[in-house]
């Protein structure tokens, strides 16, 4: 005998059997916010390895960064750490964007059922916007504020539907 649909874990259900009642505003808003973060992450990753836009304007400083190790370890230089930090930062934004884009478009019921995932996404966006405001520049700050607003609109729509 096949167990009732309500008793099966979501991960085991084929997508065709899942309810399609999620409002388009919710999924599209969350997806748009996640897409902005993914795009910012991809651009940051690209700029880390292509061109000199993330290099210091002072070439002597760039040379010094490549010649000096960190206090933490002599196994790397400040320059290599800078590249690694920027690359991992871009990858993290890409991961967030890809995960929440997927959840919004393919499995919105998971976001609706998990207050933890909903708040985790909101906390990530708030923390990134705060970092952008205090440590970076206007473009990422504005992008993250827009992404956060879209995410919030989508989550409110997702969690307040009947």
N, C-alpha and C. Protein backbone atom coordinates (compact mmCIF):
# COMPACT_ATOMS: atom_id res chain seq x y z
N UNK A 1 0.85 -1.18 0.00
CA UNK A 1 0.00 0.00 0.00
C UNK A 1 0.89 1.24 0.00
N UNK A 2 0.56 2.22 -0.80
CA UNK A 2 1.32 3.46 -0.90
C UNK A 2 0.93 4.38 0.25
N UNK A 3 1.93 4.96 0.98
CA UNK A 3 1.59 5.86 2.08
C UNK A 3 0.92 7.12 1.55
N UNK A 4 0.06 7.74 2.37
CA UNK A 4 -0.59 8.98 1.93
C UNK A 4 0.45 10.06 1.62
N UNK A 5 0.12 10.92 0.68
CA UNK A 5 1.02 11.98 0.24
C UNK A 5 1.51 12.83 1.41
N UNK A 6 0.66 13.12 2.36
CA UNK A 6 1.01 13.99 3.48
C UNK A 6 2.09 13.38 4.37
N UNK A 7 2.24 12.06 4.36
CA UNK A 7 3.21 11.41 5.24
C UNK A 7 4.58 11.23 4.60
N UNK A 8 4.72 11.50 3.32
CA UNK A 8 6.01 11.36 2.65
C UNK A 8 6.86 12.60 2.88
N UNK A 9 8.16 12.43 3.15
CA UNK A 9 9.03 13.61 3.24
C UNK A 9 9.08 14.33 1.89
N UNK A 10 9.20 15.65 1.93
CA UNK A 10 9.21 16.45 0.70
C UNK A 10 10.28 15.98 -0.27
N UNK A 11 11.43 15.57 0.23
CA UNK A 11 12.54 15.20 -0.64
C UNK A 11 12.21 13.97 -1.49
N UNK A 12 11.25 13.15 -1.05
CA UNK A 12 10.93 11.93 -1.80
C UNK A 12 9.80 12.14 -2.78
N UNK A 13 9.14 13.28 -2.74
CA UNK A 13 7.99 13.51 -3.62
C UNK A 13 8.45 13.95 -5.00
N UNK A 14 7.89 13.35 -6.04
CA UNK A 14 8.18 13.88 -7.37
C UNK A 14 7.56 15.27 -7.51
N UNK A 15 8.21 16.14 -8.27
CA UNK A 15 7.74 17.52 -8.38
C UNK A 15 6.32 17.61 -8.89
N UNK A 16 5.89 16.67 -9.74
CA UNK A 16 4.54 16.74 -10.30
C UNK A 16 3.47 16.59 -9.23
N UNK A 17 3.78 15.97 -8.07
CA UNK A 17 2.77 15.76 -7.04
C UNK A 17 2.74 16.89 -6.01
N UNK A 18 3.66 17.84 -6.10
CA UNK A 18 3.72 18.91 -5.11
C UNK A 18 2.70 19.99 -5.44
N UNK A 19 2.17 20.65 -4.40
CA UNK A 19 1.20 21.70 -4.64
C UNK A 19 1.84 22.87 -5.40
N UNK A 20 1.09 23.44 -6.32
CA UNK A 20 1.60 24.54 -7.12
C UNK A 20 0.92 25.85 -6.72
N UNK A 21 0.55 25.99 -5.46
CA UNK A 21 -0.22 27.15 -5.01
C UNK A 21 0.65 28.33 -4.60
N UNK A 22 1.95 28.22 -4.73
CA UNK A 22 2.82 29.33 -4.33
C UNK A 22 2.55 30.52 -5.24
N UNK A 23 2.29 31.68 -4.64
CA UNK A 23 1.99 32.85 -5.48
C UNK A 23 3.21 33.28 -6.29
N UNK A 24 2.99 33.68 -7.54
CA UNK A 24 4.11 34.10 -8.38
C UNK A 24 4.90 35.26 -7.78
N UNK A 25 4.24 36.19 -7.08
CA UNK A 25 4.96 37.30 -6.46
C UNK A 25 6.03 36.78 -5.51
N UNK A 26 5.69 35.78 -4.72
CA UNK A 26 6.64 35.24 -3.75
C UNK A 26 7.84 34.62 -4.45
N UNK A 27 7.59 33.70 -5.36
CA UNK A 27 8.70 33.00 -6.00
C UNK A 27 9.54 33.93 -6.86
N UNK A 28 8.89 34.80 -7.61
CA UNK A 28 9.65 35.69 -8.49
C UNK A 28 10.44 36.73 -7.70
N UNK A 29 9.90 37.22 -6.60
CA UNK A 29 10.63 38.21 -5.79
C UNK A 29 11.86 37.58 -5.14
N UNK A 30 11.67 36.41 -4.55
CA UNK A 30 12.80 35.72 -3.91
C UNK A 30 13.85 35.36 -4.97
N UNK A 31 13.38 34.86 -6.11
CA UNK A 31 14.31 34.49 -7.19
C UNK A 31 15.06 35.71 -7.71
N UNK A 32 14.38 36.84 -7.85
CA UNK A 32 15.05 38.05 -8.33
C UNK A 32 16.12 38.51 -7.34
N UNK A 33 15.79 38.49 -6.04
CA UNK A 33 16.77 38.87 -5.02
C UNK A 33 17.97 37.94 -5.04
N UNK A 34 17.72 36.64 -5.13
CA UNK A 34 18.81 35.67 -5.19
C UNK A 34 19.63 35.84 -6.46
N UNK A 35 18.97 36.14 -7.55
CA UNK A 35 19.66 36.35 -8.82
C UNK A 35 20.60 37.55 -8.78
N UNK A 36 20.17 38.61 -8.10
CA UNK A 36 21.03 39.80 -7.95
C UNK A 36 22.29 39.43 -7.18
N UNK A 37 22.13 38.69 -6.09
CA UNK A 37 23.30 38.29 -5.29
C UNK A 37 24.22 37.39 -6.11
N UNK A 38 23.64 36.45 -6.85
CA UNK A 38 24.46 35.57 -7.69
C UNK A 38 25.22 36.37 -8.74
N UNK A 39 24.55 37.34 -9.34
CA UNK A 39 25.21 38.18 -10.36
C UNK A 39 26.34 39.00 -9.74
N UNK A 40 26.10 39.57 -8.56
CA UNK A 40 27.17 40.31 -7.88
C UNK A 40 28.34 39.39 -7.55
N UNK A 41 28.04 38.18 -7.10
CA UNK A 41 29.10 37.21 -6.80
C UNK A 41 29.89 36.81 -8.03
N UNK A 42 29.19 36.57 -9.13
CA UNK A 42 29.87 36.19 -10.37
C UNK A 42 30.75 37.33 -10.88
N UNK A 43 30.24 38.54 -10.81
CA UNK A 43 31.02 39.70 -11.24
C UNK A 43 32.25 39.88 -10.36
N UNK A 44 32.07 39.71 -9.06
CA UNK A 44 33.20 39.85 -8.13
C UNK A 44 34.26 38.78 -8.41
N UNK A 45 33.82 37.57 -8.64
CA UNK A 45 34.75 36.48 -8.94
C UNK A 45 35.50 36.77 -10.25
N UNK A 46 34.79 37.23 -11.25
CA UNK A 46 35.41 37.58 -12.52
C UNK A 46 36.45 38.69 -12.32
N UNK A 47 36.07 39.75 -11.61
CA UNK A 47 36.99 40.88 -11.41
C UNK A 47 38.19 40.51 -10.54
N UNK A 48 38.04 39.47 -9.73
CA UNK A 48 39.16 39.01 -8.91
C UNK A 48 40.29 38.47 -9.78
N UNK A 49 39.94 37.79 -10.86
CA UNK A 49 40.94 37.12 -11.67
C UNK A 49 41.21 37.77 -13.03
N UNK A 50 40.36 38.67 -13.46
CA UNK A 50 40.52 39.30 -14.78
C UNK A 50 40.67 40.80 -14.62
N UNK A 51 41.73 41.33 -15.15
CA UNK A 51 41.94 42.77 -15.08
C UNK A 51 42.53 43.21 -13.75
N UNK A 52 42.50 44.50 -13.53
CA UNK A 52 43.13 45.08 -12.33
C UNK A 52 42.18 45.94 -11.51
N UNK A 53 40.89 45.78 -11.70
CA UNK A 53 39.93 46.65 -11.02
C UNK A 53 39.89 46.44 -9.51
N UNK A 54 40.31 45.28 -9.04
CA UNK A 54 40.36 45.04 -7.60
C UNK A 54 41.79 45.13 -7.06
N UNK A 55 42.68 45.67 -7.86
CA UNK A 55 44.07 45.90 -7.42
C UNK A 55 44.17 47.28 -6.79
N UNK A 56 45.15 47.47 -5.90
CA UNK A 56 45.37 48.83 -5.37
C UNK A 56 45.85 49.76 -6.48
N UNK A 57 45.49 51.03 -6.39
CA UNK A 57 45.93 52.01 -7.39
C UNK A 57 47.44 52.23 -7.33
N UNK A 58 48.02 52.04 -6.16
CA UNK A 58 49.45 52.25 -5.95
C UNK A 58 50.18 50.93 -6.22
N UNK A 59 50.95 50.87 -7.31
CA UNK A 59 51.65 49.64 -7.65
C UNK A 59 52.66 49.24 -6.58
N UNK A 60 53.24 50.20 -5.90
CA UNK A 60 54.20 49.88 -4.83
C UNK A 60 53.49 49.12 -3.71
N UNK A 61 52.26 49.48 -3.43
CA UNK A 61 51.49 48.76 -2.41
C UNK A 61 51.23 47.33 -2.88
N UNK A 62 50.86 47.16 -4.13
CA UNK A 62 50.63 45.82 -4.69
C UNK A 62 51.90 44.98 -4.55
N UNK A 63 53.05 45.56 -4.85
CA UNK A 63 54.33 44.87 -4.73
C UNK A 63 54.60 44.50 -3.26
N UNK A 64 54.33 45.42 -2.36
CA UNK A 64 54.54 45.16 -0.93
C UNK A 64 53.61 44.04 -0.45
N UNK A 65 52.35 44.07 -0.89
CA UNK A 65 51.41 43.02 -0.51
C UNK A 65 51.91 41.64 -0.94
N UNK A 66 52.58 41.59 -2.09
CA UNK A 66 53.09 40.32 -2.61
C UNK A 66 54.38 39.89 -1.91
N UNK A 67 55.03 40.81 -1.21
CA UNK A 67 56.31 40.51 -0.56
C UNK A 67 56.17 40.23 0.93
N UNK A 68 55.04 40.58 1.52
CA UNK A 68 54.88 40.49 2.98
C UNK A 68 53.91 39.37 3.32
N UNK A 69 54.27 38.59 4.36
CA UNK A 69 53.37 37.53 4.82
C UNK A 69 52.43 38.07 5.89
N UNK A 70 51.45 37.28 6.20
CA UNK A 70 50.51 37.62 7.26
C UNK A 70 51.12 37.31 8.63
N UNK A 71 50.66 37.96 9.66
CA UNK A 71 51.09 37.62 11.02
C UNK A 71 50.65 36.20 11.35
N UNK A 72 49.50 35.80 10.85
CA UNK A 72 48.94 34.48 11.12
C UNK A 72 49.84 33.35 10.63
N UNK A 73 50.43 33.51 9.44
CA UNK A 73 51.25 32.46 8.85
C UNK A 73 52.21 33.05 7.82
N UNK A 74 53.33 32.38 7.65
CA UNK A 74 54.28 32.78 6.61
C UNK A 74 54.05 31.97 5.32
N UNK A 75 53.03 31.15 5.30
CA UNK A 75 52.78 30.28 4.16
C UNK A 75 52.09 30.99 2.99
N UNK A 76 51.71 32.23 3.18
CA UNK A 76 51.09 32.99 2.10
C UNK A 76 51.47 34.45 2.24
N UNK A 77 51.21 35.21 1.21
CA UNK A 77 51.46 36.65 1.27
C UNK A 77 50.14 37.38 1.42
N UNK A 78 50.22 38.64 1.77
CA UNK A 78 49.01 39.45 1.87
C UNK A 78 48.30 39.47 0.52
N UNK A 79 49.07 39.54 -0.57
CA UNK A 79 48.45 39.57 -1.90
C UNK A 79 47.69 38.29 -2.20
N UNK A 80 48.30 37.13 -1.95
CA UNK A 80 47.61 35.87 -2.21
C UNK A 80 46.40 35.71 -1.30
N UNK A 81 46.51 36.15 -0.07
CA UNK A 81 45.35 36.11 0.82
C UNK A 81 44.24 37.01 0.29
N UNK A 82 44.61 38.21 -0.20
CA UNK A 82 43.64 39.15 -0.78
C UNK A 82 42.88 38.50 -1.94
N UNK A 83 43.62 37.84 -2.82
CA UNK A 83 42.98 37.16 -3.95
C UNK A 83 42.06 36.05 -3.44
N UNK A 84 42.54 35.26 -2.50
CA UNK A 84 41.73 34.17 -1.94
C UNK A 84 40.48 34.67 -1.24
N UNK A 85 40.61 35.74 -0.46
CA UNK A 85 39.44 36.30 0.23
C UNK A 85 38.41 36.78 -0.79
N UNK A 86 38.87 37.47 -1.82
CA UNK A 86 37.95 37.97 -2.84
C UNK A 86 37.29 36.82 -3.60
N UNK A 87 38.06 35.80 -3.93
CA UNK A 87 37.49 34.65 -4.66
C UNK A 87 36.47 33.92 -3.80
N UNK A 88 36.79 33.66 -2.54
CA UNK A 88 35.84 32.94 -1.69
C UNK A 88 34.61 33.80 -1.41
N UNK A 89 34.77 35.09 -1.33
CA UNK A 89 33.65 36.01 -1.16
C UNK A 89 32.70 35.91 -2.36
N UNK A 90 33.25 35.94 -3.57
CA UNK A 90 32.43 35.81 -4.77
C UNK A 90 31.74 34.46 -4.85
N UNK A 91 32.48 33.40 -4.50
CA UNK A 91 31.89 32.05 -4.51
C UNK A 91 30.75 31.93 -3.49
N UNK A 92 30.91 32.54 -2.32
CA UNK A 92 29.86 32.50 -1.31
C UNK A 92 28.58 33.17 -1.80
N UNK A 93 28.72 34.31 -2.45
CA UNK A 93 27.55 35.00 -3.00
C UNK A 93 26.91 34.16 -4.10
N UNK A 94 27.73 33.53 -4.93
CA UNK A 94 27.20 32.65 -5.97
C UNK A 94 26.44 31.47 -5.36
N UNK A 95 26.99 30.88 -4.31
CA UNK A 95 26.34 29.75 -3.65
C UNK A 95 25.00 30.17 -3.06
N UNK A 96 24.98 31.30 -2.34
CA UNK A 96 23.72 31.79 -1.78
C UNK A 96 22.71 32.00 -2.91
N UNK A 97 23.13 32.72 -3.95
CA UNK A 97 22.22 33.02 -5.05
C UNK A 97 21.68 31.77 -5.72
N UNK A 98 22.56 30.81 -6.00
CA UNK A 98 22.13 29.58 -6.66
C UNK A 98 21.17 28.78 -5.78
N UNK A 99 21.48 28.66 -4.49
CA UNK A 99 20.64 27.87 -3.59
C UNK A 99 19.25 28.48 -3.44
N UNK A 100 19.19 29.78 -3.19
CA UNK A 100 17.88 30.41 -2.97
C UNK A 100 17.12 30.60 -4.28
N UNK A 101 17.80 30.75 -5.39
CA UNK A 101 17.14 30.79 -6.69
C UNK A 101 16.48 29.44 -6.96
N UNK A 102 17.22 28.37 -6.70
CA UNK A 102 16.67 27.02 -6.88
C UNK A 102 15.47 26.79 -5.95
N UNK A 103 15.64 27.12 -4.68
CA UNK A 103 14.53 26.92 -3.74
C UNK A 103 13.30 27.72 -4.15
N UNK A 104 13.49 28.96 -4.55
CA UNK A 104 12.35 29.80 -4.90
C UNK A 104 11.61 29.27 -6.13
N UNK A 105 12.35 28.84 -7.12
CA UNK A 105 11.71 28.44 -8.38
C UNK A 105 11.30 26.97 -8.43
N UNK A 106 12.04 26.10 -7.74
CA UNK A 106 11.79 24.67 -7.86
C UNK A 106 11.13 24.09 -6.61
N UNK A 107 11.52 24.57 -5.44
CA UNK A 107 10.99 24.00 -4.19
C UNK A 107 10.55 25.09 -3.21
N UNK A 108 9.65 25.99 -3.60
CA UNK A 108 9.24 27.06 -2.68
C UNK A 108 8.58 26.54 -1.41
N UNK A 109 8.01 25.34 -1.47
CA UNK A 109 7.38 24.77 -0.27
C UNK A 109 8.42 24.51 0.82
N UNK A 110 9.66 24.28 0.44
CA UNK A 110 10.73 24.09 1.44
C UNK A 110 10.97 25.41 2.18
N UNK A 111 11.02 26.51 1.45
CA UNK A 111 11.18 27.82 2.10
C UNK A 111 9.97 28.15 2.97
N UNK A 112 8.78 27.81 2.49
CA UNK A 112 7.57 28.09 3.27
C UNK A 112 7.56 27.27 4.56
N UNK A 113 8.06 26.06 4.50
CA UNK A 113 8.03 25.17 5.66
C UNK A 113 9.18 25.42 6.63
N UNK A 114 10.22 26.12 6.21
CA UNK A 114 11.40 26.28 7.05
C UNK A 114 11.63 27.74 7.43
N UNK A 115 11.23 28.08 8.64
CA UNK A 115 11.50 29.42 9.15
C UNK A 115 13.01 29.63 9.25
N UNK A 116 13.75 28.57 9.56
CA UNK A 116 15.20 28.65 9.66
C UNK A 116 15.81 29.13 8.34
N UNK A 117 15.45 28.48 7.22
CA UNK A 117 16.01 28.88 5.92
C UNK A 117 15.58 30.29 5.53
N UNK A 118 14.35 30.64 5.86
CA UNK A 118 13.86 31.99 5.55
C UNK A 118 14.66 33.04 6.31
N UNK A 119 14.86 32.82 7.60
CA UNK A 119 15.61 33.77 8.43
C UNK A 119 17.10 33.75 8.11
N UNK A 120 17.63 32.59 7.76
CA UNK A 120 19.04 32.49 7.38
C UNK A 120 19.32 33.37 6.15
N UNK A 121 18.46 33.29 5.16
CA UNK A 121 18.62 34.11 3.97
C UNK A 121 18.52 35.59 4.29
N UNK A 122 17.55 35.96 5.12
CA UNK A 122 17.38 37.37 5.50
C UNK A 122 18.60 37.85 6.29
N UNK A 123 19.10 37.03 7.19
CA UNK A 123 20.28 37.40 7.97
C UNK A 123 21.51 37.57 7.11
N UNK A 124 21.69 36.67 6.15
CA UNK A 124 22.82 36.78 5.22
C UNK A 124 22.75 38.08 4.44
N UNK A 125 21.59 38.39 3.89
CA UNK A 125 21.44 39.61 3.09
C UNK A 125 21.64 40.86 3.95
N UNK A 126 21.13 40.85 5.17
CA UNK A 126 21.31 42.01 6.06
C UNK A 126 22.79 42.19 6.41
N UNK A 127 23.47 41.09 6.72
CA UNK A 127 24.90 41.17 7.06
C UNK A 127 25.73 41.65 5.87
N UNK A 128 25.42 41.14 4.69
CA UNK A 128 26.16 41.57 3.50
C UNK A 128 25.91 43.03 3.18
N UNK A 129 24.66 43.49 3.35
CA UNK A 129 24.36 44.91 3.11
C UNK A 129 25.09 45.79 4.12
N UNK A 130 25.16 45.35 5.38
CA UNK A 130 25.88 46.12 6.39
C UNK A 130 27.37 46.19 6.05
N UNK A 131 27.95 45.07 5.64
CA UNK A 131 29.35 45.08 5.22
C UNK A 131 29.56 46.00 4.02
N UNK A 132 28.66 45.92 3.07
CA UNK A 132 28.78 46.76 1.87
C UNK A 132 28.70 48.24 2.24
N UNK A 133 27.84 48.57 3.17
CA UNK A 133 27.66 49.97 3.58
C UNK A 133 28.92 50.50 4.27
N UNK A 134 29.53 49.67 5.11
CA UNK A 134 30.64 50.15 5.94
C UNK A 134 32.02 49.88 5.35
N UNK A 135 32.14 48.88 4.48
CA UNK A 135 33.47 48.49 4.01
C UNK A 135 33.67 48.57 2.50
N UNK A 136 32.61 48.63 1.73
CA UNK A 136 32.77 48.55 0.29
C UNK A 136 32.37 49.87 -0.37
N UNK A 137 31.54 49.81 -1.40
CA UNK A 137 31.17 51.03 -2.12
C UNK A 137 29.71 50.93 -2.55
N UNK A 138 29.22 51.96 -3.26
CA UNK A 138 27.79 52.09 -3.54
C UNK A 138 27.17 50.94 -4.33
N UNK A 139 27.81 50.47 -5.37
CA UNK A 139 27.17 49.48 -6.24
C UNK A 139 26.78 48.20 -5.50
N UNK A 140 27.70 47.55 -4.78
CA UNK A 140 27.26 46.35 -4.06
C UNK A 140 26.25 46.67 -2.96
N UNK A 141 26.39 47.82 -2.31
CA UNK A 141 25.42 48.19 -1.27
C UNK A 141 24.02 48.32 -1.87
N UNK A 142 23.90 49.05 -2.95
CA UNK A 142 22.58 49.23 -3.58
C UNK A 142 22.03 47.90 -4.09
N UNK A 143 22.89 47.09 -4.68
CA UNK A 143 22.44 45.78 -5.16
C UNK A 143 21.95 44.90 -4.03
N UNK A 144 22.66 44.91 -2.91
CA UNK A 144 22.26 44.08 -1.77
C UNK A 144 21.00 44.61 -1.09
N UNK A 145 20.83 45.92 -1.03
CA UNK A 145 19.59 46.49 -0.48
C UNK A 145 18.41 46.09 -1.37
N UNK A 146 18.57 46.20 -2.68
CA UNK A 146 17.51 45.79 -3.60
C UNK A 146 17.22 44.30 -3.46
N UNK A 147 18.28 43.48 -3.40
CA UNK A 147 18.10 42.04 -3.23
C UNK A 147 17.37 41.74 -1.93
N UNK A 148 17.75 42.42 -0.86
CA UNK A 148 17.10 42.21 0.43
C UNK A 148 15.64 42.62 0.41
N UNK A 149 15.32 43.73 -0.25
CA UNK A 149 13.93 44.18 -0.34
C UNK A 149 13.09 43.17 -1.13
N UNK A 150 13.61 42.70 -2.25
CA UNK A 150 12.89 41.70 -3.04
C UNK A 150 12.71 40.41 -2.26
N UNK A 151 13.75 39.99 -1.57
CA UNK A 151 13.68 38.78 -0.74
C UNK A 151 12.62 38.94 0.34
N UNK A 152 12.61 40.08 1.01
CA UNK A 152 11.63 40.32 2.09
C UNK A 152 10.21 40.33 1.54
N UNK A 153 9.99 41.00 0.42
CA UNK A 153 8.65 41.01 -0.20
C UNK A 153 8.21 39.59 -0.52
N UNK A 154 9.12 38.82 -1.11
CA UNK A 154 8.80 37.45 -1.46
C UNK A 154 8.52 36.58 -0.25
N UNK A 155 9.31 36.73 0.79
CA UNK A 155 9.10 35.92 2.00
C UNK A 155 7.80 36.29 2.70
N UNK A 156 7.48 37.57 2.76
CA UNK A 156 6.19 37.97 3.36
C UNK A 156 5.05 37.36 2.55
N UNK A 157 5.12 37.45 1.23
CA UNK A 157 4.08 36.86 0.38
C UNK A 157 4.01 35.35 0.57
N UNK A 158 5.15 34.71 0.68
CA UNK A 158 5.21 33.26 0.83
C UNK A 158 4.63 32.81 2.16
N UNK A 159 4.96 33.53 3.23
CA UNK A 159 4.55 33.09 4.57
C UNK A 159 3.18 33.60 5.00
N UNK A 160 2.59 34.52 4.25
CA UNK A 160 1.27 35.03 4.64
C UNK A 160 0.16 34.50 3.76
N UNK A 161 0.49 33.68 2.78
CA UNK A 161 -0.57 33.12 1.93
C UNK A 161 -1.39 32.13 2.74
N UNK A 162 -2.63 31.97 2.36
CA UNK A 162 -3.54 31.07 3.09
C UNK A 162 -3.19 29.63 2.86
